[in-house]
């Protein structure tokens, strides 16, 4: 049972990473957020990117006037950290 959970956590982390990456790429093209794929990517990634963006806006890295959104990069790191912590905990159960 534990190997199945480990695989599920791994694939879910990869799914979130791909969704965020696709949203970043689509943000380079105007008007893509209004399509079905853009709405799906926004709905899947905003629960992660929104809180991270709010936290970064309170720091010097993402304060007023910052033109680069660092939330996707920080989210990638948080997803990797959460994945390794969860998988490490699951492996200790084996």
PDB file of N, CA and C in Angstrom:
ATOM      1  N   UNK A   1       0.815  -1.207   0.000  1.00  0.00           N
ATOM      2  CA  UNK A   1       0.000   0.000   0.000  1.00  0.00           C
ATOM      3  C   UNK A   1       0.860   1.273   0.000  1.00  0.00           C
ATOM      4  N   UNK A   2       1.951   1.247   0.753  1.00  0.00           N
ATOM      5  CA  UNK A   2       2.819   2.422   0.847  1.00  0.00           C
ATOM      6  C   UNK A   2       3.457   2.772  -0.498  1.00  0.00           C
ATOM      7  N   UNK A   3       3.949   1.784  -1.274  1.00  0.00           N
ATOM      8  CA  UNK A   3       4.504   2.156  -2.590  1.00  0.00           C
ATOM      9  C   UNK A   3       3.481   2.826  -3.506  1.00  0.00           C
ATOM     10  N   UNK A   4       2.229   2.449  -3.390  1.00  0.00           N
ATOM     11  CA  UNK A   4       1.179   3.083  -4.197  1.00  0.00           C
ATOM     12  C   UNK A   4       1.002   4.541  -3.765  1.00  0.00           C
ATOM     13  N   UNK A   5       1.027   4.782  -2.466  1.00  0.00           N
ATOM     14  CA  UNK A   5       0.906   6.155  -1.965  1.00  0.00           C
ATOM     15  C   UNK A   5       2.101   7.003  -2.378  1.00  0.00           C
ATOM     16  N   UNK A   6       3.276   6.404  -2.348  1.00  0.00           N
ATOM     17  CA  UNK A   6       4.481   7.131  -2.770  1.00  0.00           C
ATOM     18  C   UNK A   6       4.366   7.526  -4.238  1.00  0.00           C
ATOM     19  N   UNK A   7       3.915   6.590  -5.070  1.00  0.00           N
ATOM     20  CA  UNK A   7       3.733   6.895  -6.500  1.00  0.00           C
ATOM     21  C   UNK A   7       2.677   7.976  -6.700  1.00  0.00           C
ATOM     22  N   UNK A   8       1.593   7.908  -5.934  1.00  0.00           N
ATOM     23  CA  UNK A   8       0.523   8.901  -6.063  1.00  0.00           C
ATOM     24  C   UNK A   8       1.026  10.293  -5.695  1.00  0.00           C
ATOM     25  N   UNK A   9       1.790  10.392  -4.620  1.00  0.00           N
ATOM     26  CA  UNK A   9       2.346  11.688  -4.200  1.00  0.00           C
ATOM     27  C   UNK A   9       3.295  12.210  -5.271  1.00  0.00           C
ATOM     28  N   UNK A  10       4.139  11.324  -5.798  1.00  0.00           N
ATOM     29  CA  UNK A  10       5.091  11.732  -6.823  1.00  0.00           C
ATOM     30  C   UNK A  10       4.361  12.246  -8.068  1.00  0.00           C
ATOM     31  N   UNK A  11       3.366  11.503  -8.547  1.00  0.00           N
ATOM     32  CA  UNK A  11       2.657  11.914  -9.754  1.00  0.00           C
ATOM     33  C   UNK A  11       1.828  13.178  -9.525  1.00  0.00           C
ATOM     34  N   UNK A  12       1.271  13.345  -8.334  1.00  0.00           N
ATOM     35  CA  UNK A  12       0.518  14.564  -8.038  1.00  0.00           C
ATOM     36  C   UNK A  12       1.441  15.778  -8.025  1.00  0.00           C
ATOM     37  N   UNK A  13       2.634  15.620  -7.462  1.00  0.00           N
ATOM     38  CA  UNK A  13       3.601  16.723  -7.457  1.00  0.00           C
ATOM     39  C   UNK A  13       4.021  17.074  -8.878  1.00  0.00           C
ATOM     40  N   UNK A  14       4.249  16.061  -9.719  1.00  0.00           N
ATOM     41  CA  UNK A  14       4.602  16.335 -11.121  1.00  0.00           C
ATOM     42  C   UNK A  14       3.447  17.021 -11.848  1.00  0.00           C
ATOM     43  N   UNK A  15       2.202  16.592 -11.571  1.00  0.00           N
ATOM     44  CA  UNK A  15       1.029  17.212 -12.191  1.00  0.00           C
ATOM     45  C   UNK A  15       0.959  18.691 -11.833  1.00  0.00           C
ATOM     46  N   UNK A  16       1.134  19.013 -10.549  1.00  0.00           N
ATOM     47  CA  UNK A  16       1.087  20.413 -10.128  1.00  0.00           C
ATOM     48  C   UNK A  16       2.209  21.224 -10.768  1.00  0.00           C
ATOM     49  N   UNK A  17       3.381  20.646 -10.860  1.00  0.00           N
ATOM     50  CA  UNK A  17       4.505  21.333 -11.485  1.00  0.00           C
ATOM     51  C   UNK A  17       4.222  21.626 -12.949  1.00  0.00           C
ATOM     52  N   UNK A  18       3.675  20.663 -13.661  1.00  0.00           N
ATOM     53  CA  UNK A  18       3.355  20.845 -15.083  1.00  0.00           C
ATOM     54  C   UNK A  18       2.265  21.893 -15.254  1.00  0.00           C
ATOM     55  N   UNK A  19       1.251  21.873 -14.396  1.00  0.00           N
ATOM     56  CA  UNK A  19       0.163  22.852 -14.483  1.00  0.00           C
ATOM     57  C   UNK A  19       0.706  24.265 -14.274  1.00  0.00           C
ATOM     58  N   UNK A  20       1.541  24.450 -13.269  1.00  0.00           N
ATOM     59  CA  UNK A  20       2.103  25.779 -13.004  1.00  0.00           C
ATOM     60  C   UNK A  20       3.000  26.215 -14.160  1.00  0.00           C
ATOM     61  N   UNK A  21       3.822  25.292 -14.656  1.00  0.00           N
ATOM     62  CA  UNK A  21       4.700  25.632 -15.784  1.00  0.00           C
ATOM     63  C   UNK A  21       3.882  26.009 -17.020  1.00  0.00           C
ATOM     64  N   UNK A  22       2.826  25.258 -17.299  1.00  0.00           N
ATOM     65  CA  UNK A  22       1.970  25.570 -18.450  1.00  0.00           C
ATOM     66  C   UNK A  22       1.298  26.931 -18.271  1.00  0.00           C
ATOM     67  N   UNK A  23       0.898  27.239 -17.042  1.00  0.00           N
ATOM     68  CA  UNK A  23       0.283  28.552 -16.793  1.00  0.00           C
ATOM     69  C   UNK A  23       1.279  29.677 -17.025  1.00  0.00           C
ATOM     70  N   UNK A  24       2.516  29.472 -16.622  1.00  0.00           N
ATOM     71  CA  UNK A  24       3.549  30.490 -16.848  1.00  0.00           C
ATOM     72  C   UNK A  24       3.745  30.702 -18.343  1.00  0.00           C
ATOM     73  N   UNK A  25       3.856  29.623 -19.098  1.00  0.00           N
ATOM     74  CA  UNK A  25       4.050  29.732 -20.548  1.00  0.00           C
ATOM     75  C   UNK A  25       2.852  30.426 -21.191  1.00  0.00           C
ATOM     76  N   UNK A  26       1.641  30.057 -20.785  1.00  0.00           N
ATOM     77  CA  UNK A  26       0.445  30.672 -21.376  1.00  0.00           C
ATOM     78  C   UNK A  26       0.316  32.142 -21.003  1.00  0.00           C
ATOM     79  N   UNK A  27       0.902  32.544 -19.883  1.00  0.00           N
ATOM     80  CA  UNK A  27       0.797  33.949 -19.480  1.00  0.00           C
ATOM     81  C   UNK A  27       1.586  34.861 -20.422  1.00  0.00           C
ATOM     82  N   UNK A  28       2.473  34.298 -21.211  1.00  0.00           N
ATOM     83  CA  UNK A  28       3.246  35.093 -22.168  1.00  0.00           C
ATOM     84  C   UNK A  28       2.418  35.493 -23.381  1.00  0.00           C
ATOM     85  N   UNK A  29       1.281  34.831 -23.567  1.00  0.00           N
ATOM     86  CA  UNK A  29       0.440  35.093 -24.736  1.00  0.00           C
ATOM     87  C   UNK A  29      -0.864  35.736 -24.282  1.00  0.00           C
ATOM     88  N   UNK A  30      -1.186  36.921 -24.782  1.00  0.00           N
ATOM     89  CA  UNK A  30      -2.398  37.616 -24.326  1.00  0.00           C
ATOM     90  C   UNK A  30      -3.667  36.867 -24.743  1.00  0.00           C
ATOM     91  N   UNK A  31      -4.640  36.884 -23.862  1.00  0.00           N
ATOM     92  CA  UNK A  31      -5.947  36.316 -24.155  1.00  0.00           C
ATOM     93  C   UNK A  31      -6.073  34.824 -23.954  1.00  0.00           C
ATOM     94  N   UNK A  32      -4.997  34.133 -23.560  1.00  0.00           N
ATOM     95  CA  UNK A  32      -5.089  32.682 -23.415  1.00  0.00           C
ATOM     96  C   UNK A  32      -5.777  32.264 -22.121  1.00  0.00           C
ATOM     97  N   UNK A  33      -5.887  33.163 -21.160  1.00  0.00           N
ATOM     98  CA  UNK A  33      -6.519  32.815 -19.881  1.00  0.00           C
ATOM     99  C   UNK A  33      -8.024  32.630 -20.029  1.00  0.00           C
ATOM    100  N   UNK A  34      -8.609  33.181 -21.069  1.00  0.00           N
ATOM    101  CA  UNK A  34     -10.058  33.132 -21.218  1.00  0.00           C
ATOM    102  C   UNK A  34     -10.537  31.857 -21.901  1.00  0.00           C
ATOM    103  N   UNK A  35      -9.651  31.066 -22.464  1.00  0.00           N
ATOM    104  CA  UNK A  35     -10.029  29.816 -23.091  1.00  0.00           C
ATOM    105  C   UNK A  35     -10.252  28.726 -22.054  1.00  0.00           C
ATOM    106  N   UNK A  36     -10.711  27.586 -22.498  1.00  0.00           N
ATOM    107  CA  UNK A  36     -11.000  26.478 -21.588  1.00  0.00           C
ATOM    108  C   UNK A  36      -9.732  25.982 -20.898  1.00  0.00           C
ATOM    109  N   UNK A  37      -8.650  25.865 -21.649  1.00  0.00           N
ATOM    110  CA  UNK A  37      -7.400  25.388 -21.052  1.00  0.00           C
ATOM    111  C   UNK A  37      -6.859  26.410 -20.065  1.00  0.00           C
ATOM    112  N   UNK A  38      -6.917  27.676 -20.429  1.00  0.00           N
ATOM    113  CA  UNK A  38      -6.447  28.728 -19.530  1.00  0.00           C
ATOM    114  C   UNK A  38      -7.236  28.768 -18.235  1.00  0.00           C
ATOM    115  N   UNK A  39      -8.542  28.591 -18.319  1.00  0.00           N
ATOM    116  CA  UNK A  39      -9.369  28.583 -17.109  1.00  0.00           C
ATOM    117  C   UNK A  39      -9.052  27.372 -16.238  1.00  0.00           C
ATOM    118  N   UNK A  40      -8.820  26.218 -16.891  1.00  0.00           N
ATOM    119  CA  UNK A  40      -8.457  25.016 -16.136  1.00  0.00           C
ATOM    120  C   UNK A  40      -7.128  25.220 -15.411  1.00  0.00           C
ATOM    121  N   UNK A  41      -6.130  25.733 -16.128  1.00  0.00           N
ATOM    122  CA  UNK A  41      -4.822  25.952 -15.519  1.00  0.00           C
ATOM    123  C   UNK A  41      -4.895  26.962 -14.379  1.00  0.00           C
ATOM    124  N   UNK A  42      -5.692  28.008 -14.575  1.00  0.00           N
ATOM    125  CA  UNK A  42      -5.852  29.011 -13.515  1.00  0.00           C
ATOM    126  C   UNK A  42      -6.520  28.389 -12.293  1.00  0.00           C
ATOM    127  N   UNK A  43      -7.577  27.607 -12.512  1.00  0.00           N
ATOM    128  CA  UNK A  43      -8.308  26.999 -11.393  1.00  0.00           C
ATOM    129  C   UNK A  43      -7.435  25.999 -10.633  1.00  0.00           C
ATOM    130  N   UNK A  44      -6.554  25.306 -11.337  1.00  0.00           N
ATOM    131  CA  UNK A  44      -5.714  24.304 -10.681  1.00  0.00           C
ATOM    132  C   UNK A  44      -4.501  24.917  -9.979  1.00  0.00           C
ATOM    133  N   UNK A  45      -3.984  26.015 -10.497  1.00  0.00           N
ATOM    134  CA  UNK A  45      -2.741  26.567  -9.953  1.00  0.00           C
ATOM    135  C   UNK A  45      -2.947  27.722  -8.976  1.00  0.00           C
ATOM    136  N   UNK A  46      -4.033  28.423  -9.062  1.00  0.00           N
ATOM    137  CA  UNK A  46      -4.225  29.604  -8.218  1.00  0.00           C
ATOM    138  C   UNK A  46      -4.294  29.282  -6.727  1.00  0.00           C
ATOM    139  N   UNK A  47      -4.871  28.121  -6.308  1.00  0.00           N
ATOM    140  CA  UNK A  47      -4.826  27.823  -4.865  1.00  0.00           C
ATOM    141  C   UNK A  47      -3.406  27.682  -4.316  1.00  0.00           C
ATOM    142  N   UNK A  48      -2.443  27.421  -5.173  1.00  0.00           N
ATOM    143  CA  UNK A  48      -1.051  27.343  -4.733  1.00  0.00           C
ATOM    144  C   UNK A  48      -0.360  28.686  -4.930  1.00  0.00           C
ATOM    145  N   UNK A  49      -0.512  29.268  -6.119  1.00  0.00           N
ATOM    146  CA  UNK A  49       0.202  30.498  -6.435  1.00  0.00           C
ATOM    147  C   UNK A  49      -0.316  31.710  -5.655  1.00  0.00           C
ATOM    148  N   UNK A  50      -1.604  31.777  -5.399  1.00  0.00           N
ATOM    149  CA  UNK A  50      -2.189  32.931  -4.705  1.00  0.00           C
ATOM    150  C   UNK A  50      -1.580  33.178  -3.335  1.00  0.00           C
ATOM    151  N   UNK A  51      -1.612  32.176  -2.435  1.00  0.00           N
ATOM    152  CA  UNK A  51      -1.010  32.392  -1.111  1.00  0.00           C
ATOM    153  C   UNK A  51       0.497  32.649  -1.161  1.00  0.00           C
ATOM    154  N   UNK A  52       1.202  31.968  -2.061  1.00  0.00           N
ATOM    155  CA  UNK A  52       2.643  32.185  -2.182  1.00  0.00           C
ATOM    156  C   UNK A  52       2.908  33.612  -2.654  1.00  0.00           C
ATOM    157  N   UNK A  53       2.107  34.084  -3.593  1.00  0.00           N
ATOM    158  CA  UNK A  53       2.260  35.454  -4.104  1.00  0.00           C
ATOM    159  C   UNK A  53       2.021  36.469  -2.988  1.00  0.00           C
ATOM    160  N   UNK A  54       1.000  36.235  -2.148  1.00  0.00           N
ATOM    161  CA  UNK A  54       0.718  37.161  -1.043  1.00  0.00           C
ATOM    162  C   UNK A  54       1.872  37.225  -0.058  1.00  0.00           C
ATOM    163  N   UNK A  55       2.469  36.080   0.224  1.00  0.00           N
ATOM    164  CA  UNK A  55       3.611  36.057   1.142  1.00  0.00           C
ATOM    165  C   UNK A  55       4.804  36.780   0.524  1.00  0.00           C
ATOM    166  N   UNK A  56       5.062  36.528  -0.763  1.00  0.00           N
ATOM    167  CA  UNK A  56       6.203  37.172  -1.422  1.00  0.00           C
ATOM    168  C   UNK A  56       6.030  38.677  -1.540  1.00  0.00           C
ATOM    169  N   UNK A  57       4.800  39.163  -1.647  1.00  0.00           N
ATOM    170  CA  UNK A  57       4.570  40.607  -1.758  1.00  0.00           C
ATOM    171  C   UNK A  57       4.916  41.334  -0.472  1.00  0.00           C
ATOM    172  N   UNK A  58       4.986  40.605   0.629  1.00  0.00           N
ATOM    173  CA  UNK A  58       5.333  41.222   1.911  1.00  0.00           C
ATOM    174  C   UNK A  58       6.838  41.233   2.150  1.00  0.00           C
ATOM    175  N   UNK A  59       7.595  40.675   1.218  1.00  0.00           N
ATOM    176  CA  UNK A  59       9.045  40.630   1.362  1.00  0.00           C
ATOM    177  C   UNK A  59       9.683  41.597   0.365  1.00  0.00           C
ATOM    178  N   UNK A  60      10.963  41.912   0.540  1.00  0.00           N
ATOM    179  CA  UNK A  60      11.638  42.776  -0.445  1.00  0.00           C
ATOM    180  C   UNK A  60      11.715  42.140  -1.838  1.00  0.00           C
ATOM    181  N   UNK A  61      11.617  40.806  -1.918  1.00  0.00           N
ATOM    182  CA  UNK A  61      11.684  40.134  -3.219  1.00  0.00           C
ATOM    183  C   UNK A  61      10.485  40.432  -4.105  1.00  0.00           C
ATOM    184  N   UNK A  62       9.347  40.631  -3.503  1.00  0.00           N
ATOM    185  CA  UNK A  62       8.154  40.812  -4.318  1.00  0.00           C
ATOM    186  C   UNK A  62       7.356  42.039  -3.945  1.00  0.00           C
ATOM    187  N   UNK A  63       8.005  43.023  -3.410  1.00  0.00           N
ATOM    188  CA  UNK A  63       7.331  44.235  -2.990  1.00  0.00           C
ATOM    189  C   UNK A  63       6.794  45.044  -4.146  1.00  0.00           C
ATOM    190  N   UNK A  64       6.280  46.218  -3.855  1.00  0.00           N
ATOM    191  CA  UNK A  64       5.710  47.062  -4.901  1.00  0.00           C
ATOM    192  C   UNK A  64       6.757  47.415  -5.965  1.00  0.00           C
ATOM    193  N   UNK A  65       6.315  47.405  -7.193  1.00  0.00           N
ATOM    194  CA  UNK A  65       7.198  47.751  -8.291  1.00  0.00           C
ATOM    195  C   UNK A  65       7.948  46.573  -8.879  1.00  0.00           C
ATOM    196  N   UNK A  66       7.791  45.399  -8.287  1.00  0.00           N
ATOM    197  CA  UNK A  66       8.481  44.222  -8.814  1.00  0.00           C
ATOM    198  C   UNK A  66       7.734  43.721 -10.043  1.00  0.00           C
ATOM    199  N   UNK A  67       8.434  43.617 -11.153  1.00  0.00           N
ATOM    200  CA  UNK A  67       7.778  43.245 -12.400  1.00  0.00           C
ATOM    201  C   UNK A  67       7.823  41.748 -12.658  1.00  0.00           C
ATOM    202  N   UNK A  68       8.636  41.008 -11.941  1.00  0.00           N
ATOM    203  CA  UNK A  68       8.768  39.575 -12.146  1.00  0.00           C
ATOM    204  C   UNK A  68       8.018  38.838 -11.038  1.00  0.00           C
ATOM    205  N   UNK A  69       7.115  37.959 -11.424  1.00  0.00           N
ATOM    206  CA  UNK A  69       6.354  37.178 -10.461  1.00  0.00           C
ATOM    207  C   UNK A  69       7.192  35.966 -10.058  1.00  0.00           C
ATOM    208  N   UNK A  70       7.653  35.957  -8.828  1.00  0.00           N
ATOM    209  CA  UNK A  70       8.479  34.866  -8.338  1.00  0.00           C
ATOM    210  C   UNK A  70       7.667  33.741  -7.712  1.00  0.00           C
ATOM    211  N   UNK A  71       6.355  33.877  -7.677  1.00  0.00           N
ATOM    212  CA  UNK A  71       5.503  32.865  -7.059  1.00  0.00           C
ATOM    213  C   UNK A  71       5.632  31.491  -7.724  1.00  0.00           C
ATOM    214  N   UNK A  72       5.698  31.384  -9.049  1.00  0.00           N
ATOM    215  CA  UNK A  72       5.859  30.043  -9.628  1.00  0.00           C
ATOM    216  C   UNK A  72       7.159  29.359  -9.211  1.00  0.00           C
ATOM    217  N   UNK A  73       8.256  30.112  -9.172  1.00  0.00           N
ATOM    218  CA  UNK A  73       9.525  29.507  -8.766  1.00  0.00           C
ATOM    219  C   UNK A  73       9.484  29.070  -7.306  1.00  0.00           C
ATOM    220  N   UNK A  74       8.932  29.915  -6.448  1.00  0.00           N
ATOM    221  CA  UNK A  74       8.808  29.554  -5.038  1.00  0.00           C
ATOM    222  C   UNK A  74       7.866  28.365  -4.870  1.00  0.00           C
ATOM    223  N   UNK A  75       6.812  28.308  -5.675  1.00  0.00           N
ATOM    224  CA  UNK A  75       5.872  27.187  -5.606  1.00  0.00           C
ATOM    225  C   UNK A  75       6.542  25.889  -6.034  1.00  0.00           C
ATOM    226  N   UNK A  76       7.375  25.943  -7.069  1.00  0.00           N
ATOM    227  CA  UNK A  76       8.116  24.746  -7.478  1.00  0.00           C
ATOM    228  C   UNK A  76       8.947  24.209  -6.311  1.00  0.00           C
ATOM    229  N   UNK A  77       9.636  25.116  -5.637  1.00  0.00           N
ATOM    230  CA  UNK A  77      10.468  24.700  -4.502  1.00  0.00           C
ATOM    231  C   UNK A  77       9.621  24.129  -3.372  1.00  0.00           C
ATOM    232  N   UNK A  78       8.480  24.750  -3.089  1.00  0.00           N
ATOM    233  CA  UNK A  78       7.603  24.249  -2.028  1.00  0.00           C
ATOM    234  C   UNK A  78       7.006  22.891  -2.377  1.00  0.00           C
ATOM    235  N   UNK A  79       6.657  22.695  -3.636  1.00  0.00           N
ATOM    236  CA  UNK A  79       6.124  21.399  -4.063  1.00  0.00           C
ATOM    237  C   UNK A  79       7.185  20.319  -3.904  1.00  0.00           C
ATOM    238  N   UNK A  80       8.417  20.619  -4.325  1.00  0.00           N
ATOM    239  CA  UNK A  80       9.506  19.642  -4.173  1.00  0.00           C
ATOM    240  C   UNK A  80       9.777  19.329  -2.705  1.00  0.00           C
ATOM    241  N   UNK A  81       9.759  20.349  -1.869  1.00  0.00           N
ATOM    242  CA  UNK A  81       9.987  20.145  -0.442  1.00  0.00           C
ATOM    243  C   UNK A  81       8.876  19.297   0.167  1.00  0.00           C
ATOM    244  N   UNK A  82       7.625  19.643  -0.132  1.00  0.00           N
ATOM    245  CA  UNK A  82       6.501  18.878   0.408  1.00  0.00           C
ATOM    246  C   UNK A  82       6.536  17.435  -0.083  1.00  0.00           C
ATOM    247  N   UNK A  83       6.859  17.251  -1.354  1.00  0.00           N
ATOM    248  CA  UNK A  83       6.935  15.894  -1.903  1.00  0.00           C
ATOM    249  C   UNK A  83       7.986  15.071  -1.174  1.00  0.00           C
ATOM    250  N   UNK A  84       9.175  15.621  -0.994  1.00  0.00           N
ATOM    251  CA  UNK A  84      10.227  14.846  -0.349  1.00  0.00           C
ATOM    252  C   UNK A  84       9.924  14.579   1.124  1.00  0.00           C
ATOM    253  N   UNK A  85       9.278  15.524   1.806  1.00  0.00           N
ATOM    254  CA  UNK A  85       8.905  15.286   3.203  1.00  0.00           C
ATOM    255  C   UNK A  85       7.828  14.198   3.319  1.00  0.00           C
ATOM    256  N   UNK A  86       6.841  14.263   2.447  1.00  0.00           N
ATOM    257  CA  UNK A  86       5.768  13.265   2.495  1.00  0.00           C
ATOM    258  C   UNK A  86       6.295  11.884   2.117  1.00  0.00           C
ATOM    259  N   UNK A  87       7.079  11.817   1.051  1.00  0.00           N
ATOM    260  CA  UNK A  87       7.615  10.518   0.628  1.00  0.00           C
ATOM    261  C   UNK A  87       8.580   9.966   1.677  1.00  0.00           C
ATOM    262  N   UNK A  88       9.370  10.836   2.288  1.00  0.00           N
ATOM    263  CA  UNK A  88      10.259  10.391   3.363  1.00  0.00           C
ATOM    264  C   UNK A  88       9.480   9.820   4.540  1.00  0.00           C
ATOM    265  N   UNK A  89       8.385  10.487   4.880  1.00  0.00           N
ATOM    266  CA  UNK A  89       7.535   9.970   5.958  1.00  0.00           C
ATOM    267  C   UNK A  89       6.892   8.644   5.600  1.00  0.00           C
ATOM    268  N   UNK A  90       6.456   8.517   4.361  1.00  0.00           N
ATOM    269  CA  UNK A  90       5.845   7.255   3.924  1.00  0.00           C
ATOM    270  C   UNK A  90       6.875   6.125   3.884  1.00  0.00           C
ATOM    271  N   UNK A  91       8.100   6.435   3.457  1.00  0.00           N
ATOM    272  CA  UNK A  91       9.140   5.399   3.412  1.00  0.00           C
ATOM    273  C   UNK A  91       9.523   4.916   4.812  1.00  0.00           C
ATOM    274  N   UNK A  92       9.389   5.783   5.804  1.00  0.00           N
ATOM    275  CA  UNK A  92       9.690   5.361   7.173  1.00  0.00           C
ATOM    276  C   UNK A  92       8.650   4.383   7.709  1.00  0.00           C
ATOM    277  N   UNK A  93       7.485   4.339   7.066  1.00  0.00           N
ATOM    278  CA  UNK A  93       6.442   3.399   7.470  1.00  0.00           C
ATOM    279  C   UNK A  93       6.668   1.997   6.907  1.00  0.00           C
ATOM    280  N   UNK A  94       7.556   1.901   5.916  1.00  0.00           N
ATOM    281  CA  UNK A  94       7.784   0.602   5.272  1.00  0.00           C
ATOM    282  C   UNK A  94       8.566  -0.331   6.156  1.00  0.00           C
TER     283      UNK A  94
END
